[in-house]
Amino acid sequence: MIGLQVPPESDDEDTSVAEDVDADEQQLLEALMDIPPHLGPAEGIDESNYQQLCKEQERAIEHLEERSRKLEERVAFFRYWYPRLHQGYKRKVARCKGLHEDLQKFRQYSDMAYAKYNDLEKTYEQLCNACEEETERHEVEVKKLRQVLEKVWERLMAVEGEVVQLKKEKAVLERNEKVYKDTIVKMLEEMKGLKSLDEWTEQLTST
């Protein structure tokens, strides 16, 4: 059975037999090809030369058989491994195709994400500008309200002063009212027993 082993890297043999045979072997083959197969010693060829040619021919045939066996092993090696390597190659091609498709999808998703990011950034800038404008508007309103509150506070303090003054005036009026009441009561007591208003008036003037 032919072994399926990788030929050594130092072996410079090619798939062509004629290129692997060196110059001496090539000359030998050419000489053998010139000898008709039916010729022999009985037809005028020297016995020693004929035997030598036969040995050289056998050696060349053995060498060619050895080369043929090696080539058959190499062919069997390639026949065994080529389909497997080809299947592996096709799997890798399919894998690369899938990775390429994934890369295309990733690029699409990346472009979509980048576009979405730009939209969000624009929206963020718009919101920031709107917030700044709103903040400035509120600051103006707060300033106006503070001025109004200051005026209201001043008015409140003035009103409190007026209330204090009114309380003082009320106390004075209450004292005066008591005095008036006491005077009226006294006058009414004095009027008792008098016959007319003129008599009471004369009494007051006399006193």
N, C-alpha and C. Protein backbone atom coordinates (compact mmCIF):
# COMPACT_ATOMS: atom_id res chain seq x y z
N MET A 1 0.85 -1.20 0.00
CA MET A 1 0.00 0.00 0.00
C MET A 1 0.88 1.25 0.00
N ILE A 2 0.52 2.23 -0.80
CA ILE A 2 1.32 3.45 -0.93
C ILE A 2 1.12 4.33 0.28
N GLY A 3 2.26 4.77 0.90
CA GLY A 3 2.16 5.65 2.05
C GLY A 3 1.82 7.08 1.65
N LEU A 4 1.02 7.77 2.50
CA LEU A 4 0.61 9.14 2.22
C LEU A 4 1.43 10.07 3.10
N GLN A 5 2.72 10.21 2.78
CA GLN A 5 3.59 11.08 3.55
C GLN A 5 4.05 12.23 2.67
N VAL A 6 4.28 13.36 3.31
CA VAL A 6 4.74 14.53 2.58
C VAL A 6 6.19 14.32 2.18
N PRO A 7 6.56 14.53 0.90
CA PRO A 7 7.96 14.38 0.48
C PRO A 7 8.84 15.38 1.20
N PRO A 8 10.10 14.99 1.48
CA PRO A 8 11.00 15.92 2.17
C PRO A 8 11.23 17.18 1.36
N GLU A 9 11.44 18.29 2.10
CA GLU A 9 11.62 19.56 1.43
C GLU A 9 12.92 19.63 0.64
N SER A 10 13.91 18.81 1.01
CA SER A 10 15.19 18.84 0.31
C SER A 10 15.12 18.13 -1.03
N ASP A 11 14.04 17.40 -1.31
CA ASP A 11 13.87 16.71 -2.58
C ASP A 11 13.41 17.71 -3.62
N ASP A 12 14.28 17.97 -4.64
CA ASP A 12 13.98 18.93 -5.68
C ASP A 12 13.33 18.30 -6.89
N GLU A 13 12.70 17.12 -6.73
CA GLU A 13 12.11 16.43 -7.85
C GLU A 13 10.85 17.14 -8.29
N ASP A 14 10.59 17.10 -9.63
CA ASP A 14 9.40 17.71 -10.18
C ASP A 14 8.49 16.61 -10.68
N THR A 15 7.29 16.99 -11.19
CA THR A 15 6.34 16.00 -11.70
C THR A 15 6.76 15.47 -13.05
N SER A 16 7.68 16.10 -13.73
CA SER A 16 8.16 15.64 -15.03
C SER A 16 9.35 14.72 -14.85
N VAL A 17 9.24 13.50 -15.44
CA VAL A 17 10.32 12.51 -15.29
C VAL A 17 11.55 12.94 -16.06
N ALA A 18 11.37 13.46 -17.26
CA ALA A 18 12.52 13.82 -18.10
C ALA A 18 13.36 14.88 -17.46
N GLU A 19 12.76 15.80 -16.69
CA GLU A 19 13.52 16.85 -16.04
C GLU A 19 14.26 16.34 -14.82
N ASP A 20 13.77 15.23 -14.20
CA ASP A 20 14.42 14.69 -13.01
C ASP A 20 15.62 13.81 -13.36
N VAL A 21 15.68 13.31 -14.52
CA VAL A 21 16.80 12.42 -14.92
C VAL A 21 17.98 13.28 -15.30
N ASP A 22 19.14 12.95 -14.75
CA ASP A 22 20.31 13.77 -15.02
C ASP A 22 20.82 13.52 -16.44
N ALA A 23 21.90 14.21 -16.79
CA ALA A 23 22.40 14.15 -18.17
C ALA A 23 22.86 12.75 -18.56
N ASP A 24 23.57 12.03 -17.66
CA ASP A 24 24.05 10.68 -17.97
C ASP A 24 22.88 9.73 -18.20
N GLU A 25 21.88 9.81 -17.37
CA GLU A 25 20.72 8.94 -17.53
C GLU A 25 19.97 9.26 -18.82
N GLN A 26 19.95 10.55 -19.16
CA GLN A 26 19.28 10.93 -20.40
C GLN A 26 20.01 10.34 -21.60
N GLN A 27 21.33 10.41 -21.59
CA GLN A 27 22.11 9.82 -22.68
C GLN A 27 21.91 8.31 -22.74
N LEU A 28 21.86 7.70 -21.56
CA LEU A 28 21.64 6.26 -21.51
C LEU A 28 20.29 5.90 -22.10
N LEU A 29 19.28 6.65 -21.76
CA LEU A 29 17.94 6.38 -22.30
C LEU A 29 17.93 6.55 -23.81
N GLU A 30 18.59 7.60 -24.26
CA GLU A 30 18.63 7.80 -25.71
C GLU A 30 19.35 6.64 -26.41
N ALA A 31 20.44 6.15 -25.79
CA ALA A 31 21.17 5.02 -26.38
C ALA A 31 20.31 3.76 -26.37
N LEU A 32 19.55 3.55 -25.29
CA LEU A 32 18.69 2.37 -25.21
C LEU A 32 17.56 2.44 -26.24
N MET A 33 17.07 3.65 -26.46
CA MET A 33 16.00 3.80 -27.42
C MET A 33 16.46 3.51 -28.83
N ASP A 34 17.78 3.67 -29.07
CA ASP A 34 18.33 3.39 -30.41
C ASP A 34 18.51 1.91 -30.67
N ILE A 35 18.47 1.06 -29.64
CA ILE A 35 18.69 -0.38 -29.83
C ILE A 35 17.36 -1.04 -30.12
N PRO A 36 17.21 -1.64 -31.23
CA PRO A 36 15.96 -2.37 -31.52
C PRO A 36 15.80 -3.52 -30.57
N PRO A 37 14.58 -3.78 -30.09
CA PRO A 37 14.40 -4.82 -29.09
C PRO A 37 14.67 -6.24 -29.60
N HIS A 38 14.69 -6.46 -30.92
CA HIS A 38 14.87 -7.82 -31.43
C HIS A 38 16.33 -8.15 -31.70
N LEU A 39 17.23 -7.14 -31.54
CA LEU A 39 18.64 -7.39 -31.79
C LEU A 39 19.26 -8.14 -30.62
N GLY A 40 20.21 -8.91 -30.85
CA GLY A 40 20.90 -9.66 -29.82
C GLY A 40 22.29 -10.06 -30.29
N PRO A 41 23.02 -10.83 -29.49
CA PRO A 41 24.40 -11.23 -29.85
C PRO A 41 24.44 -12.03 -31.14
N ALA A 42 23.37 -12.78 -31.47
CA ALA A 42 23.43 -13.61 -32.68
C ALA A 42 23.39 -12.79 -33.95
N GLU A 43 23.11 -11.54 -33.86
CA GLU A 43 22.98 -10.71 -35.04
C GLU A 43 24.14 -9.75 -35.18
N GLY A 44 25.23 -10.07 -34.62
CA GLY A 44 26.44 -9.31 -34.83
C GLY A 44 26.81 -8.35 -33.74
N ILE A 45 26.12 -8.37 -32.60
CA ILE A 45 26.44 -7.47 -31.49
C ILE A 45 27.31 -8.25 -30.52
N ASP A 46 28.36 -7.58 -30.03
CA ASP A 46 29.28 -8.21 -29.10
C ASP A 46 28.56 -8.58 -27.80
N GLU A 47 28.90 -9.79 -27.29
CA GLU A 47 28.23 -10.32 -26.11
C GLU A 47 28.45 -9.43 -24.90
N SER A 48 29.68 -9.00 -24.65
CA SER A 48 29.98 -8.18 -23.47
C SER A 48 29.28 -6.82 -23.56
N ASN A 49 29.30 -6.26 -24.79
CA ASN A 49 28.62 -4.97 -24.95
C ASN A 49 27.11 -5.13 -24.77
N TYR A 50 26.62 -6.26 -25.28
CA TYR A 50 25.18 -6.49 -25.18
C TYR A 50 24.76 -6.66 -23.72
N GLN A 51 25.57 -7.43 -22.97
CA GLN A 51 25.26 -7.61 -21.55
C GLN A 51 25.34 -6.28 -20.79
N GLN A 52 26.34 -5.47 -21.15
CA GLN A 52 26.49 -4.18 -20.50
C GLN A 52 25.29 -3.28 -20.79
N LEU A 53 24.86 -3.31 -22.07
CA LEU A 53 23.68 -2.53 -22.45
C LEU A 53 22.43 -3.00 -21.73
N CYS A 54 22.33 -4.33 -21.58
CA CYS A 54 21.16 -4.88 -20.88
C CYS A 54 21.14 -4.45 -19.42
N LYS A 55 22.34 -4.51 -18.77
CA LYS A 55 22.40 -4.08 -17.37
C LYS A 55 22.04 -2.60 -17.22
N GLU A 56 22.61 -1.81 -18.16
CA GLU A 56 22.31 -0.38 -18.09
C GLU A 56 20.82 -0.12 -18.34
N GLN A 57 20.25 -0.93 -19.26
CA GLN A 57 18.84 -0.78 -19.53
C GLN A 57 18.00 -1.18 -18.31
N GLU A 58 18.40 -2.28 -17.65
CA GLU A 58 17.68 -2.70 -16.44
C GLU A 58 17.80 -1.65 -15.34
N ARG A 59 19.02 -1.11 -15.21
CA ARG A 59 19.22 -0.08 -14.19
C ARG A 59 18.36 1.15 -14.49
N ALA A 60 18.31 1.52 -15.75
CA ALA A 60 17.48 2.67 -16.12
C ALA A 60 16.01 2.38 -15.88
N ILE A 61 15.60 1.12 -16.17
CA ILE A 61 14.20 0.76 -15.95
C ILE A 61 13.88 0.79 -14.46
N GLU A 62 14.80 0.26 -13.64
CA GLU A 62 14.58 0.30 -12.19
C GLU A 62 14.48 1.75 -11.68
N HIS A 63 15.40 2.56 -12.24
CA HIS A 63 15.36 3.96 -11.82
C HIS A 63 14.01 4.60 -12.20
N LEU A 64 13.54 4.32 -13.41
CA LEU A 64 12.26 4.86 -13.85
C LEU A 64 11.11 4.31 -13.03
N GLU A 65 11.21 3.00 -12.67
CA GLU A 65 10.16 2.44 -11.83
C GLU A 65 10.13 3.10 -10.46
N GLU A 66 11.34 3.37 -9.92
CA GLU A 66 11.40 4.05 -8.63
C GLU A 66 10.81 5.46 -8.73
N ARG A 67 11.16 6.15 -9.81
CA ARG A 67 10.60 7.48 -10.01
C ARG A 67 9.08 7.40 -10.19
N SER A 68 8.61 6.37 -10.89
CA SER A 68 7.17 6.20 -11.09
C SER A 68 6.46 5.92 -9.77
N ARG A 69 7.11 5.10 -8.94
CA ARG A 69 6.52 4.80 -7.64
C ARG A 69 6.42 6.06 -6.79
N LYS A 70 7.48 6.87 -6.80
CA LYS A 70 7.44 8.11 -6.02
C LYS A 70 6.37 9.06 -6.54
N LEU A 71 6.27 9.10 -7.88
CA LEU A 71 5.25 9.97 -8.45
C LEU A 71 3.85 9.46 -8.12
N GLU A 72 3.69 8.12 -8.11
CA GLU A 72 2.39 7.56 -7.74
C GLU A 72 2.06 7.89 -6.29
N GLU A 73 3.08 7.82 -5.41
CA GLU A 73 2.86 8.20 -4.02
C GLU A 73 2.45 9.67 -3.92
N ARG A 74 3.14 10.51 -4.71
CA ARG A 74 2.79 11.93 -4.66
C ARG A 74 1.39 12.19 -5.21
N VAL A 75 1.05 11.47 -6.30
CA VAL A 75 -0.29 11.61 -6.84
C VAL A 75 -1.34 11.15 -5.83
N ALA A 76 -1.06 10.00 -5.18
CA ALA A 76 -1.99 9.50 -4.17
C ALA A 76 -2.10 10.50 -3.00
N PHE A 77 -0.94 11.09 -2.65
CA PHE A 77 -0.95 12.10 -1.59
C PHE A 77 -1.86 13.26 -1.94
N PHE A 78 -1.71 13.76 -3.16
CA PHE A 78 -2.53 14.89 -3.58
C PHE A 78 -3.99 14.49 -3.75
N ARG A 79 -4.22 13.26 -4.24
CA ARG A 79 -5.60 12.80 -4.37
C ARG A 79 -6.28 12.68 -3.01
N TYR A 80 -5.48 12.32 -2.00
CA TYR A 80 -6.05 12.18 -0.66
C TYR A 80 -6.29 13.54 -0.02
N TRP A 81 -5.32 14.42 -0.14
CA TRP A 81 -5.39 15.68 0.59
C TRP A 81 -6.08 16.81 -0.17
N TYR A 82 -6.06 16.77 -1.49
CA TYR A 82 -6.65 17.88 -2.24
C TYR A 82 -8.13 18.08 -1.92
N PRO A 83 -8.98 17.00 -1.94
CA PRO A 83 -10.40 17.25 -1.60
C PRO A 83 -10.60 17.83 -0.20
N ARG A 84 -9.79 17.32 0.77
CA ARG A 84 -9.93 17.83 2.13
C ARG A 84 -9.47 19.29 2.22
N LEU A 85 -8.33 19.56 1.57
CA LEU A 85 -7.86 20.94 1.58
C LEU A 85 -8.83 21.85 0.84
N HIS A 86 -9.40 21.30 -0.25
CA HIS A 86 -10.36 22.10 -1.01
C HIS A 86 -11.61 22.37 -0.18
N GLN A 87 -12.08 21.35 0.56
CA GLN A 87 -13.23 21.56 1.44
C GLN A 87 -12.91 22.60 2.53
N GLY A 88 -11.70 22.48 3.11
CA GLY A 88 -11.29 23.47 4.09
C GLY A 88 -11.21 24.86 3.49
N TYR A 89 -10.70 24.91 2.26
CA TYR A 89 -10.62 26.21 1.58
C TYR A 89 -12.02 26.79 1.37
N LYS A 90 -12.96 25.92 0.92
CA LYS A 90 -14.33 26.41 0.70
C LYS A 90 -14.95 26.86 2.02
N ARG A 91 -14.67 26.12 3.12
CA ARG A 91 -15.20 26.55 4.41
C ARG A 91 -14.62 27.91 4.82
N LYS A 92 -13.33 28.07 4.57
CA LYS A 92 -12.70 29.35 4.92
C LYS A 92 -13.25 30.47 4.04
N VAL A 93 -13.50 30.16 2.74
CA VAL A 93 -14.08 31.16 1.84
C VAL A 93 -15.47 31.55 2.34
N ALA A 94 -16.27 30.52 2.71
CA ALA A 94 -17.62 30.80 3.23
C ALA A 94 -17.53 31.61 4.52
N ARG A 95 -16.57 31.23 5.38
CA ARG A 95 -16.38 31.98 6.62
C ARG A 95 -15.99 33.43 6.34
N CYS A 96 -15.07 33.61 5.39
CA CYS A 96 -14.66 34.97 5.03
C CYS A 96 -15.84 35.75 4.45
N LYS A 97 -16.66 35.05 3.65
CA LYS A 97 -17.84 35.71 3.09
C LYS A 97 -18.79 36.14 4.21
N GLY A 98 -19.01 35.21 5.18
CA GLY A 98 -19.85 35.57 6.32
C GLY A 98 -19.28 36.72 7.12
N LEU A 99 -17.95 36.70 7.33
CA LEU A 99 -17.33 37.80 8.06
C LEU A 99 -17.45 39.11 7.28
N HIS A 100 -17.33 39.01 5.96
CA HIS A 100 -17.48 40.21 5.13
C HIS A 100 -18.90 40.76 5.23
N GLU A 101 -19.89 39.86 5.21
CA GLU A 101 -21.28 40.31 5.36
C GLU A 101 -21.49 40.92 6.74
N ASP A 102 -20.92 40.28 7.78
CA ASP A 102 -21.03 40.84 9.13
C ASP A 102 -20.37 42.22 9.19
N LEU A 103 -19.23 42.34 8.49
CA LEU A 103 -18.54 43.63 8.48
C LEU A 103 -19.39 44.69 7.79
N GLN A 104 -20.05 44.31 6.68
CA GLN A 104 -20.92 45.25 5.99
C GLN A 104 -22.07 45.68 6.90
N LYS A 105 -22.67 44.68 7.59
CA LYS A 105 -23.76 45.01 8.52
C LYS A 105 -23.25 45.92 9.64
N PHE A 106 -22.06 45.58 10.15
CA PHE A 106 -21.50 46.41 11.22
C PHE A 106 -21.25 47.84 10.73
N ARG A 107 -20.78 47.97 9.49
CA ARG A 107 -20.58 49.31 8.95
C ARG A 107 -21.91 50.05 8.82
N GLN A 108 -22.96 49.32 8.37
CA GLN A 108 -24.27 49.95 8.28
C GLN A 108 -24.75 50.40 9.66
N TYR A 109 -24.63 49.47 10.65
CA TYR A 109 -25.04 49.83 12.01
C TYR A 109 -24.20 50.99 12.55
N SER A 110 -22.91 50.97 12.21
CA SER A 110 -22.03 52.05 12.67
C SER A 110 -22.45 53.38 12.05
N ASP A 111 -22.77 53.36 10.75
CA ASP A 111 -23.23 54.60 10.09
C ASP A 111 -24.55 55.07 10.71
N MET A 112 -25.47 54.12 10.96
CA MET A 112 -26.74 54.50 11.58
C MET A 112 -26.52 55.08 12.98
N ALA A 113 -25.63 54.41 13.74
CA ALA A 113 -25.35 54.89 15.10
C ALA A 113 -24.69 56.28 15.06
N TYR A 114 -23.79 56.48 14.09
CA TYR A 114 -23.13 57.78 13.98
C TYR A 114 -24.13 58.87 13.60
N ALA A 115 -25.06 58.53 12.66
CA ALA A 115 -26.10 59.49 12.29
C ALA A 115 -27.00 59.80 13.49
N LYS A 116 -27.37 58.74 14.24
CA LYS A 116 -28.19 58.94 15.44
C LYS A 116 -27.45 59.80 16.46
N TYR A 117 -26.16 59.55 16.60
CA TYR A 117 -25.35 60.35 17.53
C TYR A 117 -25.34 61.82 17.11
N ASN A 118 -25.20 62.07 15.81
CA ASN A 118 -25.22 63.46 15.33
C ASN A 118 -26.57 64.12 15.62
N ASP A 119 -27.66 63.35 15.38
CA ASP A 119 -29.00 63.89 15.67
C ASP A 119 -29.14 64.21 17.15
N LEU A 120 -28.69 63.28 18.00
CA LEU A 120 -28.79 63.52 19.44
C LEU A 120 -27.93 64.70 19.88
N GLU A 121 -26.77 64.84 19.24
CA GLU A 121 -25.91 65.97 19.59
C GLU A 121 -26.56 67.30 19.19
N LYS A 122 -27.19 67.32 17.99
CA LYS A 122 -27.89 68.53 17.58
C LYS A 122 -29.06 68.83 18.52
N THR A 123 -29.81 67.77 18.86
CA THR A 123 -30.93 67.96 19.79
C THR A 123 -30.44 68.48 21.14
N TYR A 124 -29.32 67.92 21.61
CA TYR A 124 -28.74 68.36 22.88
C TYR A 124 -28.34 69.84 22.81
N GLU A 125 -27.72 70.23 21.69
CA GLU A 125 -27.34 71.63 21.54
C GLU A 125 -28.57 72.52 21.52
N GLN A 126 -29.62 72.08 20.81
CA GLN A 126 -30.86 72.87 20.78
C GLN A 126 -31.46 73.02 22.17
N LEU A 127 -31.48 71.88 22.93
CA LEU A 127 -32.01 71.94 24.30
C LEU A 127 -31.17 72.85 25.18
N CYS A 128 -29.85 72.78 25.02
CA CYS A 128 -28.99 73.65 25.81
C CYS A 128 -29.25 75.12 25.49
N ASN A 129 -29.39 75.42 24.19
CA ASN A 129 -29.67 76.81 23.81
C ASN A 129 -31.03 77.25 24.35
N ALA A 130 -32.03 76.34 24.24
CA ALA A 130 -33.35 76.68 24.76
C ALA A 130 -33.30 76.89 26.27
N CYS A 131 -32.55 76.03 26.97
CA CYS A 131 -32.43 76.17 28.42
C CYS A 131 -31.74 77.49 28.79
N GLU A 132 -30.71 77.85 28.03
CA GLU A 132 -30.04 79.12 28.31
C GLU A 132 -30.98 80.30 28.09
N GLU A 133 -31.74 80.25 26.98
CA GLU A 133 -32.69 81.33 26.74
C GLU A 133 -33.76 81.39 27.83
N GLU A 134 -34.27 80.21 28.20
CA GLU A 134 -35.29 80.16 29.24
C GLU A 134 -34.73 80.65 30.58
N THR A 135 -33.47 80.26 30.85
CA THR A 135 -32.84 80.70 32.10
C THR A 135 -32.68 82.22 32.12
N GLU A 136 -32.23 82.78 30.99
CA GLU A 136 -32.10 84.23 30.92
C GLU A 136 -33.46 84.92 31.11
N ARG A 137 -34.51 84.36 30.47
CA ARG A 137 -35.84 84.95 30.61
C ARG A 137 -36.32 84.88 32.07
N HIS A 138 -36.08 83.73 32.71
CA HIS A 138 -36.47 83.59 34.12
C HIS A 138 -35.67 84.53 35.01
N GLU A 139 -34.40 84.72 34.70
CA GLU A 139 -33.59 85.65 35.50
C GLU A 139 -34.15 87.06 35.40
N VAL A 140 -34.57 87.46 34.18
CA VAL A 140 -35.17 88.78 34.03
C VAL A 140 -36.45 88.88 34.84
N GLU A 141 -37.30 87.83 34.75
CA GLU A 141 -38.55 87.83 35.50
C GLU A 141 -38.30 87.85 37.00
N VAL A 142 -37.31 87.08 37.45
CA VAL A 142 -36.97 87.06 38.88
C VAL A 142 -36.49 88.43 39.34
N LYS A 143 -35.70 89.08 38.49
CA LYS A 143 -35.23 90.42 38.84
C LYS A 143 -36.39 91.39 38.98
N LYS A 144 -37.35 91.31 38.03
CA LYS A 144 -38.52 92.18 38.12
C LYS A 144 -39.34 91.87 39.38
N LEU A 145 -39.55 90.58 39.65
CA LEU A 145 -40.29 90.20 40.84
C LEU A 145 -39.59 90.65 42.11
N ARG A 146 -38.27 90.60 42.11
CA ARG A 146 -37.54 91.06 43.29
C ARG A 146 -37.74 92.55 43.50
N GLN A 147 -37.73 93.30 42.40
CA GLN A 147 -37.96 94.73 42.53
C GLN A 147 -39.37 95.00 43.07
N VAL A 148 -40.36 94.22 42.54
CA VAL A 148 -41.72 94.38 43.03
C VAL A 148 -41.82 94.03 44.51
N LEU A 149 -41.16 92.93 44.90
CA LEU A 149 -41.18 92.52 46.30
C LEU A 149 -40.52 93.56 47.19
N GLU A 150 -39.45 94.18 46.70
CA GLU A 150 -38.81 95.23 47.50
C GLU A 150 -39.76 96.40 47.72
N LYS A 151 -40.48 96.78 46.64
CA LYS A 151 -41.44 97.86 46.78
C LYS A 151 -42.58 97.48 47.73
N VAL A 152 -43.05 96.22 47.59
CA VAL A 152 -44.10 95.75 48.49
C VAL A 152 -43.62 95.75 49.92
N TRP A 153 -42.36 95.34 50.12
CA TRP A 153 -41.80 95.33 51.48
C TRP A 153 -41.71 96.74 52.05
N GLU A 154 -41.28 97.69 51.21
CA GLU A 154 -41.22 99.07 51.66
C GLU A 154 -42.61 99.58 52.03
N ARG A 155 -43.59 99.23 51.16
CA ARG A 155 -44.96 99.65 51.46
C ARG A 155 -45.49 98.99 52.73
N LEU A 156 -45.12 97.72 52.92
CA LEU A 156 -45.54 97.02 54.12
C LEU A 156 -44.97 97.66 55.37
N MET A 157 -43.69 98.01 55.30
CA MET A 157 -43.08 98.67 56.45
C MET A 157 -43.75 100.01 56.72
N ALA A 158 -44.08 100.71 55.62
CA ALA A 158 -44.78 102.00 55.82
C ALA A 158 -46.15 101.80 56.44
N VAL A 159 -46.84 100.78 55.98
CA VAL A 159 -48.16 100.48 56.54
C VAL A 159 -48.05 100.12 58.01
N GLU A 160 -47.01 99.34 58.35
CA GLU A 160 -46.82 99.00 59.76
C GLU A 160 -46.59 100.25 60.60
N GLY A 161 -45.82 101.18 60.01
CA GLY A 161 -45.62 102.46 60.74
C GLY A 161 -46.93 103.20 60.92
N GLU A 162 -47.74 103.20 59.84
CA GLU A 162 -49.03 103.86 59.94
C GLU A 162 -49.93 103.16 60.96
N VAL A 163 -49.84 101.82 60.99
CA VAL A 163 -50.66 101.07 61.96
C VAL A 163 -50.25 101.43 63.38
N VAL A 164 -48.96 101.55 63.61
CA VAL A 164 -48.48 101.93 64.95
C VAL A 164 -48.99 103.31 65.32
N GLN A 165 -48.92 104.24 64.34
CA GLN A 165 -49.41 105.59 64.58
C GLN A 165 -50.91 105.60 64.85
N LEU A 166 -51.64 104.78 64.07
CA LEU A 166 -53.08 104.71 64.28
C LEU A 166 -53.41 104.12 65.63
N LYS A 167 -52.61 103.15 66.06
CA LYS A 167 -52.84 102.59 67.40
C LYS A 167 -52.64 103.66 68.47
N LYS A 168 -51.62 104.48 68.27
CA LYS A 168 -51.39 105.55 69.23
C LYS A 168 -52.56 106.54 69.24
N GLU A 169 -52.96 106.89 68.02
CA GLU A 169 -54.09 107.81 67.93
C GLU A 169 -55.35 107.20 68.52
N LYS A 170 -55.55 105.90 68.32
CA LYS A 170 -56.71 105.22 68.89
C LYS A 170 -56.68 105.26 70.42
N ALA A 171 -55.46 105.02 70.96
CA ALA A 171 -55.35 105.09 72.43
C ALA A 171 -55.72 106.49 72.95
N VAL A 172 -55.25 107.51 72.19
CA VAL A 172 -55.57 108.88 72.60
C VAL A 172 -57.07 109.12 72.53
N LEU A 173 -57.67 108.64 71.43
CA LEU A 173 -59.11 108.81 71.26
C LEU A 173 -59.88 108.06 72.34
N GLU A 174 -59.37 106.87 72.68
CA GLU A 174 -60.05 106.11 73.73
C GLU A 174 -59.97 106.85 75.07
N ARG A 175 -58.82 107.46 75.36
CA ARG A 175 -58.70 108.23 76.62
C ARG A 175 -59.63 109.45 76.59
N ASN A 176 -59.62 110.13 75.43
CA ASN A 176 -60.48 111.30 75.30
C ASN A 176 -61.96 110.91 75.43
N GLU A 177 -62.27 109.73 74.82
CA GLU A 177 -63.65 109.28 74.90
C GLU A 177 -64.05 109.02 76.35
N LYS A 178 -63.16 108.46 77.12
CA LYS A 178 -63.48 108.23 78.54
C LYS A 178 -63.66 109.52 79.28
N VAL A 179 -62.78 110.46 78.96
CA VAL A 179 -62.90 111.77 79.62
C VAL A 179 -64.23 112.41 79.27
N TYR A 180 -64.54 112.32 77.97
CA TYR A 180 -65.81 112.92 77.53
C TYR A 180 -67.00 112.25 78.21
N LYS A 181 -66.91 110.92 78.30
CA LYS A 181 -68.00 110.19 78.95
C LYS A 181 -68.13 110.61 80.41
N ASP A 182 -66.99 110.67 81.09
CA ASP A 182 -67.03 111.07 82.50
C ASP A 182 -67.60 112.50 82.67
N THR A 183 -67.19 113.34 81.75
CA THR A 183 -67.68 114.74 81.81
C THR A 183 -69.18 114.81 81.58
N ILE A 184 -69.61 114.04 80.59
CA ILE A 184 -71.04 114.03 80.27
C ILE A 184 -71.85 113.49 81.47
N VAL A 185 -71.30 112.40 82.06
CA VAL A 185 -72.00 111.83 83.23
C VAL A 185 -72.07 112.87 84.35
N LYS A 186 -70.97 113.53 84.57
CA LYS A 186 -70.93 114.54 85.62
C LYS A 186 -71.91 115.67 85.32
N MET A 187 -71.93 116.08 84.06
CA MET A 187 -72.82 117.16 83.65
C MET A 187 -74.29 116.75 83.84
N LEU A 188 -74.56 115.49 83.50
CA LEU A 188 -75.93 115.01 83.66
C LEU A 188 -76.33 115.00 85.13
N GLU A 189 -75.40 114.60 85.99
CA GLU A 189 -75.71 114.62 87.43
C GLU A 189 -75.96 116.03 87.92
N GLU A 190 -75.17 116.97 87.36
CA GLU A 190 -75.35 118.36 87.78
C GLU A 190 -76.67 118.95 87.27
N MET A 191 -77.12 118.43 86.17
CA MET A 191 -78.36 118.95 85.57
C MET A 191 -79.61 118.48 86.33
N LYS A 192 -79.39 117.48 87.14
CA LYS A 192 -80.55 117.01 87.90
C LYS A 192 -81.02 118.10 88.90
N GLY A 193 -82.27 118.32 89.01
CA GLY A 193 -82.82 119.32 89.93
C GLY A 193 -82.96 120.70 89.31
N LEU A 194 -82.40 120.91 88.14
CA LEU A 194 -82.53 122.20 87.47
C LEU A 194 -83.79 122.20 86.64
N LYS A 195 -84.38 123.39 86.53
CA LYS A 195 -85.66 123.48 85.83
C LYS A 195 -85.51 123.77 84.35
N SER A 196 -84.42 124.43 83.98
CA SER A 196 -84.24 124.75 82.56
C SER A 196 -82.77 124.71 82.19
N LEU A 197 -82.52 124.71 80.84
CA LEU A 197 -81.14 124.69 80.32
C LEU A 197 -80.44 126.01 80.60
N ASP A 198 -81.20 127.07 80.63
CA ASP A 198 -80.58 128.37 80.89
C ASP A 198 -80.03 128.43 82.31
N GLU A 199 -80.78 127.85 83.23
CA GLU A 199 -80.32 127.82 84.61
C GLU A 199 -79.01 127.04 84.74
N TRP A 200 -78.90 125.87 83.97
CA TRP A 200 -77.68 125.05 84.01
C TRP A 200 -76.51 125.78 83.39
N THR A 201 -76.79 126.55 82.36
CA THR A 201 -75.73 127.32 81.70
C THR A 201 -75.22 128.42 82.61
N GLU A 202 -76.13 129.08 83.32
CA GLU A 202 -75.71 130.11 84.26
C GLU A 202 -74.86 129.53 85.38
N GLN A 203 -75.22 128.28 85.77
CA GLN A 203 -74.45 127.64 86.84
C GLN A 203 -73.04 127.32 86.38
N LEU A 204 -72.91 126.89 85.14
CA LEU A 204 -71.58 126.58 84.61
C LEU A 204 -70.73 127.85 84.50
N THR A 205 -71.32 128.90 84.04
CA THR A 205 -70.56 130.14 83.86
C THR A 205 -70.16 130.75 85.18
N SER A 206 -71.01 130.53 86.16
CA SER A 206 -70.68 131.09 87.46
C SER A 206 -69.54 130.36 88.15
N THR A 207 -69.49 129.11 87.86
CA THR A 207 -68.42 128.33 88.46
C THR A 207 -67.14 128.49 87.69
